[in-house]
Amino acid sequence: MSEQHTYRVIIRGTWDGLTDEARSRLLTKAPEHGMTSMRFTEEGSLSYESSPLKHFSMRYVVVSDAADGEEMAGAIAEDRAENALRVLGYGFRDLRSTVTDLDTMKINRKSASRR
């Protein structure tokens, strides 16, 4: 069995071809999807600003084989995002991901003299 790593993935994209109904739903739900809703979850959390309704981001936690690396974690998260957006009926384009491997991330701790 391969070692598993936990990745945090941010997917960014642009709304595209939104129907009037989808645009209306996004605008109505915008207060629920602002800065305070940004969380990394397996299901993903959607955030966007309503003015202008142009870009969005989704945050995911992906647990994957370390041997597959960050590229695979990004692909998994992008696939989850595409599926979620399609189910919701939201048109989108230009998805791109930023991946952080939490298991290899260096943490700088403050020394006792700097506190």
N, C-alpha and C. Protein backbone atom coordinates (compact mmCIF):
# COMPACT_ATOMS: atom_id res chain seq x y z
N MET A 1 0.85 -1.19 0.00
CA MET A 1 0.00 0.00 0.00
C MET A 1 0.89 1.24 0.00
N SER A 2 0.53 2.17 -0.80
CA SER A 2 1.30 3.40 -0.98
C SER A 2 0.97 4.42 0.12
N GLU A 3 1.92 5.28 0.39
CA GLU A 3 1.72 6.35 1.37
C GLU A 3 0.71 7.36 0.83
N GLN A 4 -0.19 7.80 1.71
CA GLN A 4 -1.20 8.78 1.34
C GLN A 4 -0.78 10.17 1.82
N HIS A 5 -1.03 11.17 1.00
CA HIS A 5 -0.80 12.56 1.38
C HIS A 5 -2.12 13.31 1.31
N THR A 6 -2.20 14.37 2.09
CA THR A 6 -3.37 15.23 2.08
C THR A 6 -3.01 16.53 1.37
N TYR A 7 -3.83 16.89 0.40
CA TYR A 7 -3.59 18.07 -0.41
C TYR A 7 -4.73 19.06 -0.23
N ARG A 8 -4.41 20.32 -0.20
CA ARG A 8 -5.40 21.39 -0.28
C ARG A 8 -5.32 21.96 -1.68
N VAL A 9 -6.47 21.99 -2.34
CA VAL A 9 -6.50 22.43 -3.73
C VAL A 9 -7.49 23.58 -3.88
N ILE A 10 -7.02 24.65 -4.49
CA ILE A 10 -7.89 25.77 -4.83
C ILE A 10 -8.09 25.75 -6.34
N ILE A 11 -9.36 25.67 -6.75
CA ILE A 11 -9.72 25.71 -8.16
C ILE A 11 -10.28 27.10 -8.44
N ARG A 12 -9.75 27.76 -9.45
CA ARG A 12 -10.27 29.06 -9.85
C ARG A 12 -10.82 28.93 -11.26
N GLY A 13 -11.89 29.68 -11.52
CA GLY A 13 -12.49 29.64 -12.84
C GLY A 13 -13.32 30.88 -13.11
N THR A 14 -13.91 30.91 -14.28
CA THR A 14 -14.73 32.02 -14.73
C THR A 14 -16.11 31.50 -15.08
N TRP A 15 -17.14 32.22 -14.64
CA TRP A 15 -18.50 31.85 -15.04
C TRP A 15 -18.62 32.06 -16.54
N ASP A 16 -19.36 31.18 -17.21
CA ASP A 16 -19.49 31.29 -18.67
C ASP A 16 -20.82 30.70 -19.10
N GLY A 17 -21.55 31.43 -19.92
CA GLY A 17 -22.79 30.91 -20.47
C GLY A 17 -23.86 30.63 -19.42
N LEU A 18 -23.90 31.44 -18.38
CA LEU A 18 -24.90 31.24 -17.33
C LEU A 18 -26.30 31.55 -17.87
N THR A 19 -27.24 30.68 -17.57
CA THR A 19 -28.63 30.96 -17.93
C THR A 19 -29.15 32.05 -16.98
N ASP A 20 -30.25 32.66 -17.34
CA ASP A 20 -30.85 33.67 -16.45
C ASP A 20 -31.19 33.06 -15.10
N GLU A 21 -31.69 31.80 -15.11
CA GLU A 21 -32.02 31.13 -13.85
C GLU A 21 -30.77 30.89 -13.00
N ALA A 22 -29.70 30.41 -13.62
CA ALA A 22 -28.46 30.15 -12.88
C ALA A 22 -27.89 31.45 -12.32
N ARG A 23 -27.89 32.49 -13.11
CA ARG A 23 -27.40 33.80 -12.65
C ARG A 23 -28.23 34.29 -11.46
N SER A 24 -29.52 34.14 -11.55
CA SER A 24 -30.41 34.56 -10.46
C SER A 24 -30.12 33.77 -9.18
N ARG A 25 -29.94 32.44 -9.32
CA ARG A 25 -29.63 31.60 -8.14
C ARG A 25 -28.30 32.02 -7.52
N LEU A 26 -27.29 32.27 -8.36
CA LEU A 26 -25.98 32.68 -7.84
C LEU A 26 -26.09 34.02 -7.11
N LEU A 27 -26.80 34.95 -7.68
CA LEU A 27 -26.95 36.26 -7.04
C LEU A 27 -27.71 36.15 -5.72
N THR A 28 -28.73 35.31 -5.68
CA THR A 28 -29.51 35.11 -4.46
C THR A 28 -28.67 34.47 -3.36
N LYS A 29 -27.81 33.52 -3.74
CA LYS A 29 -27.01 32.78 -2.76
C LYS A 29 -25.65 33.42 -2.49
N ALA A 30 -25.35 34.52 -3.13
CA ALA A 30 -24.03 35.15 -2.98
C ALA A 30 -23.63 35.40 -1.52
N PRO A 31 -24.54 35.86 -0.66
CA PRO A 31 -24.13 36.10 0.74
C PRO A 31 -23.63 34.84 1.44
N GLU A 32 -24.09 33.67 1.01
CA GLU A 32 -23.66 32.40 1.60
C GLU A 32 -22.30 31.95 1.05
N HIS A 33 -21.86 32.56 -0.02
CA HIS A 33 -20.64 32.10 -0.71
C HIS A 33 -19.55 33.17 -0.76
N GLY A 34 -19.50 34.01 0.25
CA GLY A 34 -18.48 35.05 0.32
C GLY A 34 -17.22 34.57 1.01
N MET A 35 -16.42 35.51 1.44
CA MET A 35 -15.13 35.21 2.07
C MET A 35 -15.25 34.29 3.29
N THR A 36 -16.32 34.42 4.05
CA THR A 36 -16.45 33.62 5.27
C THR A 36 -16.81 32.16 4.98
N SER A 37 -17.19 31.85 3.75
CA SER A 37 -17.55 30.47 3.41
C SER A 37 -16.36 29.64 2.93
N MET A 38 -15.20 30.26 2.81
CA MET A 38 -14.03 29.57 2.26
C MET A 38 -13.48 28.53 3.25
N ARG A 39 -13.70 27.27 2.90
CA ARG A 39 -13.21 26.17 3.71
C ARG A 39 -12.72 25.06 2.77
N PHE A 40 -11.73 24.33 3.22
CA PHE A 40 -11.26 23.18 2.46
C PHE A 40 -12.02 21.95 2.94
N THR A 41 -12.79 21.33 2.04
CA THR A 41 -13.56 20.14 2.37
C THR A 41 -13.46 19.14 1.21
N GLU A 42 -13.80 17.88 1.48
CA GLU A 42 -13.81 16.88 0.41
C GLU A 42 -14.86 17.21 -0.64
N GLU A 43 -16.01 17.74 -0.19
CA GLU A 43 -17.10 18.07 -1.11
C GLU A 43 -16.82 19.36 -1.87
N GLY A 44 -15.94 20.18 -1.34
CA GLY A 44 -15.62 21.45 -1.96
C GLY A 44 -16.51 22.57 -1.45
N SER A 45 -15.94 23.74 -1.35
CA SER A 45 -16.72 24.92 -0.97
C SER A 45 -16.55 25.97 -2.06
N LEU A 46 -17.68 26.51 -2.47
CA LEU A 46 -17.73 27.48 -3.56
C LEU A 46 -17.75 28.88 -2.99
N SER A 47 -16.94 29.77 -3.55
CA SER A 47 -16.99 31.18 -3.14
C SER A 47 -16.87 32.06 -4.38
N TYR A 48 -17.56 33.21 -4.30
CA TYR A 48 -17.56 34.17 -5.40
C TYR A 48 -18.16 35.47 -4.90
N GLU A 49 -17.91 36.51 -5.66
CA GLU A 49 -18.52 37.81 -5.37
C GLU A 49 -19.61 38.05 -6.40
N SER A 50 -20.67 38.71 -5.95
CA SER A 50 -21.81 38.93 -6.85
C SER A 50 -21.63 40.14 -7.77
N SER A 51 -20.71 41.01 -7.42
CA SER A 51 -20.55 42.21 -8.22
C SER A 51 -19.08 42.43 -8.55
N PRO A 52 -18.66 42.20 -9.75
CA PRO A 52 -19.43 41.60 -10.82
C PRO A 52 -19.40 40.07 -10.69
N LEU A 53 -20.41 39.42 -11.21
CA LEU A 53 -20.49 37.96 -11.18
C LEU A 53 -19.63 37.44 -12.33
N LYS A 54 -18.34 37.26 -12.04
CA LYS A 54 -17.40 36.91 -13.11
C LYS A 54 -16.55 35.68 -12.77
N HIS A 55 -15.87 35.71 -11.63
CA HIS A 55 -14.95 34.63 -11.26
C HIS A 55 -15.44 33.92 -10.00
N PHE A 56 -14.94 32.70 -9.81
CA PHE A 56 -15.27 31.93 -8.62
C PHE A 56 -14.05 31.10 -8.21
N SER A 57 -14.11 30.57 -7.00
CA SER A 57 -13.10 29.62 -6.56
C SER A 57 -13.79 28.52 -5.77
N MET A 58 -13.17 27.36 -5.78
CA MET A 58 -13.65 26.23 -5.01
C MET A 58 -12.45 25.65 -4.28
N ARG A 59 -12.68 25.22 -3.04
CA ARG A 59 -11.59 24.69 -2.22
C ARG A 59 -11.90 23.24 -1.86
N TYR A 60 -10.89 22.39 -2.06
CA TYR A 60 -11.04 20.95 -1.82
C TYR A 60 -9.90 20.42 -0.96
N VAL A 61 -10.21 19.36 -0.22
CA VAL A 61 -9.20 18.53 0.42
C VAL A 61 -9.20 17.23 -0.38
N VAL A 62 -8.03 16.81 -0.83
CA VAL A 62 -7.89 15.57 -1.59
C VAL A 62 -6.85 14.71 -0.91
N VAL A 63 -7.22 13.47 -0.60
CA VAL A 63 -6.26 12.50 -0.06
C VAL A 63 -5.94 11.55 -1.21
N SER A 64 -4.65 11.46 -1.52
CA SER A 64 -4.23 10.71 -2.70
C SER A 64 -2.87 10.08 -2.44
N ASP A 65 -2.51 9.11 -3.28
CA ASP A 65 -1.19 8.50 -3.16
C ASP A 65 -0.10 9.53 -3.37
N ALA A 66 0.86 9.54 -2.47
CA ALA A 66 1.97 10.50 -2.57
C ALA A 66 2.72 10.32 -3.89
N ALA A 67 2.79 9.09 -4.36
CA ALA A 67 3.52 8.81 -5.61
C ALA A 67 2.86 9.49 -6.81
N ASP A 68 1.57 9.72 -6.73
CA ASP A 68 0.86 10.38 -7.83
C ASP A 68 1.10 11.88 -7.85
N GLY A 69 1.47 12.44 -6.70
CA GLY A 69 1.88 13.83 -6.62
C GLY A 69 0.77 14.86 -6.71
N GLU A 70 1.21 16.10 -6.71
CA GLU A 70 0.31 17.25 -6.70
C GLU A 70 -0.51 17.35 -7.98
N GLU A 71 0.07 16.95 -9.10
CA GLU A 71 -0.64 17.05 -10.37
C GLU A 71 -1.91 16.20 -10.34
N MET A 72 -1.83 15.00 -9.79
CA MET A 72 -2.99 14.13 -9.70
C MET A 72 -4.03 14.71 -8.74
N ALA A 73 -3.58 15.25 -7.62
CA ALA A 73 -4.51 15.87 -6.67
C ALA A 73 -5.26 17.02 -7.33
N GLY A 74 -4.57 17.81 -8.12
CA GLY A 74 -5.20 18.91 -8.85
C GLY A 74 -6.22 18.39 -9.85
N ALA A 75 -5.88 17.32 -10.55
CA ALA A 75 -6.80 16.74 -11.54
C ALA A 75 -8.05 16.18 -10.86
N ILE A 76 -7.88 15.54 -9.71
CA ILE A 76 -9.02 15.00 -8.97
C ILE A 76 -9.94 16.13 -8.53
N ALA A 77 -9.37 17.20 -7.99
CA ALA A 77 -10.17 18.33 -7.53
C ALA A 77 -10.87 19.02 -8.70
N GLU A 78 -10.18 19.18 -9.82
CA GLU A 78 -10.81 19.80 -10.99
C GLU A 78 -11.98 18.96 -11.48
N ASP A 79 -11.83 17.65 -11.46
CA ASP A 79 -12.91 16.76 -11.86
C ASP A 79 -14.11 16.91 -10.92
N ARG A 80 -13.84 16.97 -9.61
CA ARG A 80 -14.92 17.17 -8.63
C ARG A 80 -15.63 18.51 -8.88
N ALA A 81 -14.84 19.55 -9.15
CA ALA A 81 -15.42 20.88 -9.39
C ALA A 81 -16.29 20.87 -10.64
N GLU A 82 -15.78 20.29 -11.74
CA GLU A 82 -16.56 20.22 -12.97
C GLU A 82 -17.89 19.51 -12.74
N ASN A 83 -17.84 18.38 -12.06
CA ASN A 83 -19.07 17.62 -11.79
C ASN A 83 -20.04 18.42 -10.94
N ALA A 84 -19.55 19.05 -9.89
CA ALA A 84 -20.42 19.82 -9.00
C ALA A 84 -21.07 20.99 -9.74
N LEU A 85 -20.29 21.69 -10.54
CA LEU A 85 -20.83 22.84 -11.27
C LEU A 85 -21.85 22.41 -12.32
N ARG A 86 -21.60 21.29 -12.97
CA ARG A 86 -22.56 20.79 -13.97
C ARG A 86 -23.87 20.38 -13.30
N VAL A 87 -23.78 19.69 -12.16
CA VAL A 87 -24.99 19.29 -11.43
C VAL A 87 -25.80 20.51 -11.03
N LEU A 88 -25.12 21.58 -10.63
CA LEU A 88 -25.81 22.82 -10.23
C LEU A 88 -26.33 23.61 -11.43
N GLY A 89 -25.86 23.25 -12.62
CA GLY A 89 -26.31 23.94 -13.83
C GLY A 89 -25.60 25.26 -14.07
N TYR A 90 -24.36 25.37 -13.59
CA TYR A 90 -23.59 26.61 -13.75
C TYR A 90 -22.56 26.44 -14.85
N GLY A 91 -22.60 27.32 -15.85
CA GLY A 91 -21.61 27.30 -16.90
C GLY A 91 -20.29 27.90 -16.41
N PHE A 92 -19.17 27.34 -16.88
CA PHE A 92 -17.86 27.77 -16.43
C PHE A 92 -16.82 27.52 -17.51
N ARG A 93 -15.66 28.14 -17.32
CA ARG A 93 -14.51 27.90 -18.22
C ARG A 93 -13.23 28.24 -17.47
N ASP A 94 -12.12 27.90 -18.09
CA ASP A 94 -10.78 28.28 -17.62
C ASP A 94 -10.47 27.82 -16.20
N LEU A 95 -10.80 26.55 -15.87
CA LEU A 95 -10.44 26.05 -14.54
C LEU A 95 -8.93 25.88 -14.45
N ARG A 96 -8.39 26.29 -13.32
CA ARG A 96 -6.96 26.08 -13.04
C ARG A 96 -6.84 25.83 -11.55
N SER A 97 -5.84 25.06 -11.18
CA SER A 97 -5.72 24.67 -9.78
C SER A 97 -4.36 25.06 -9.19
N THR A 98 -4.40 25.28 -7.89
CA THR A 98 -3.19 25.50 -7.09
C THR A 98 -3.22 24.45 -5.98
N VAL A 99 -2.15 23.68 -5.86
CA VAL A 99 -2.14 22.54 -4.95
C VAL A 99 -1.05 22.73 -3.90
N THR A 100 -1.40 22.41 -2.64
CA THR A 100 -0.44 22.41 -1.55
C THR A 100 -0.46 21.04 -0.89
N ASP A 101 0.70 20.40 -0.81
CA ASP A 101 0.83 19.11 -0.13
C ASP A 101 1.06 19.40 1.35
N LEU A 102 0.06 19.12 2.17
CA LEU A 102 0.16 19.42 3.60
C LEU A 102 1.20 18.57 4.30
N ASP A 103 1.51 17.40 3.75
CA ASP A 103 2.47 16.50 4.40
C ASP A 103 3.92 16.89 4.15
N THR A 104 4.16 17.74 3.17
CA THR A 104 5.53 18.18 2.90
C THR A 104 5.72 19.67 3.15
N MET A 105 4.65 20.31 3.58
CA MET A 105 4.70 21.75 3.80
C MET A 105 5.60 22.08 4.98
N LYS A 106 6.48 23.04 4.79
CA LYS A 106 7.36 23.48 5.86
C LYS A 106 6.63 24.50 6.72
N ILE A 107 6.67 24.30 8.01
CA ILE A 107 6.03 25.23 8.95
C ILE A 107 7.11 25.99 9.69
N ASN A 108 7.09 27.28 9.56
CA ASN A 108 8.03 28.14 10.28
C ASN A 108 7.43 28.50 11.63
N ARG A 109 8.04 28.02 12.66
CA ARG A 109 7.55 28.31 14.01
C ARG A 109 8.35 29.47 14.59
N LYS A 110 7.66 30.34 15.33
CA LYS A 110 8.34 31.45 15.96
C LYS A 110 9.21 30.92 17.10
N SER A 111 10.40 31.44 17.17
CA SER A 111 11.26 31.05 18.29
C SER A 111 10.81 31.79 19.54
N ALA A 112 11.20 31.29 20.69
CA ALA A 112 10.79 31.88 21.96
C ALA A 112 11.24 33.34 22.06
N SER A 113 12.35 33.68 21.45
CA SER A 113 12.87 35.06 21.54
C SER A 113 12.08 36.03 20.67
N ARG A 114 11.29 35.52 19.71
CA ARG A 114 10.52 36.39 18.80
C ARG A 114 9.09 36.60 19.26
N ARG A 115 8.70 35.97 20.35
CA ARG A 115 7.29 36.09 20.80
C ARG A 115 7.03 37.33 21.55
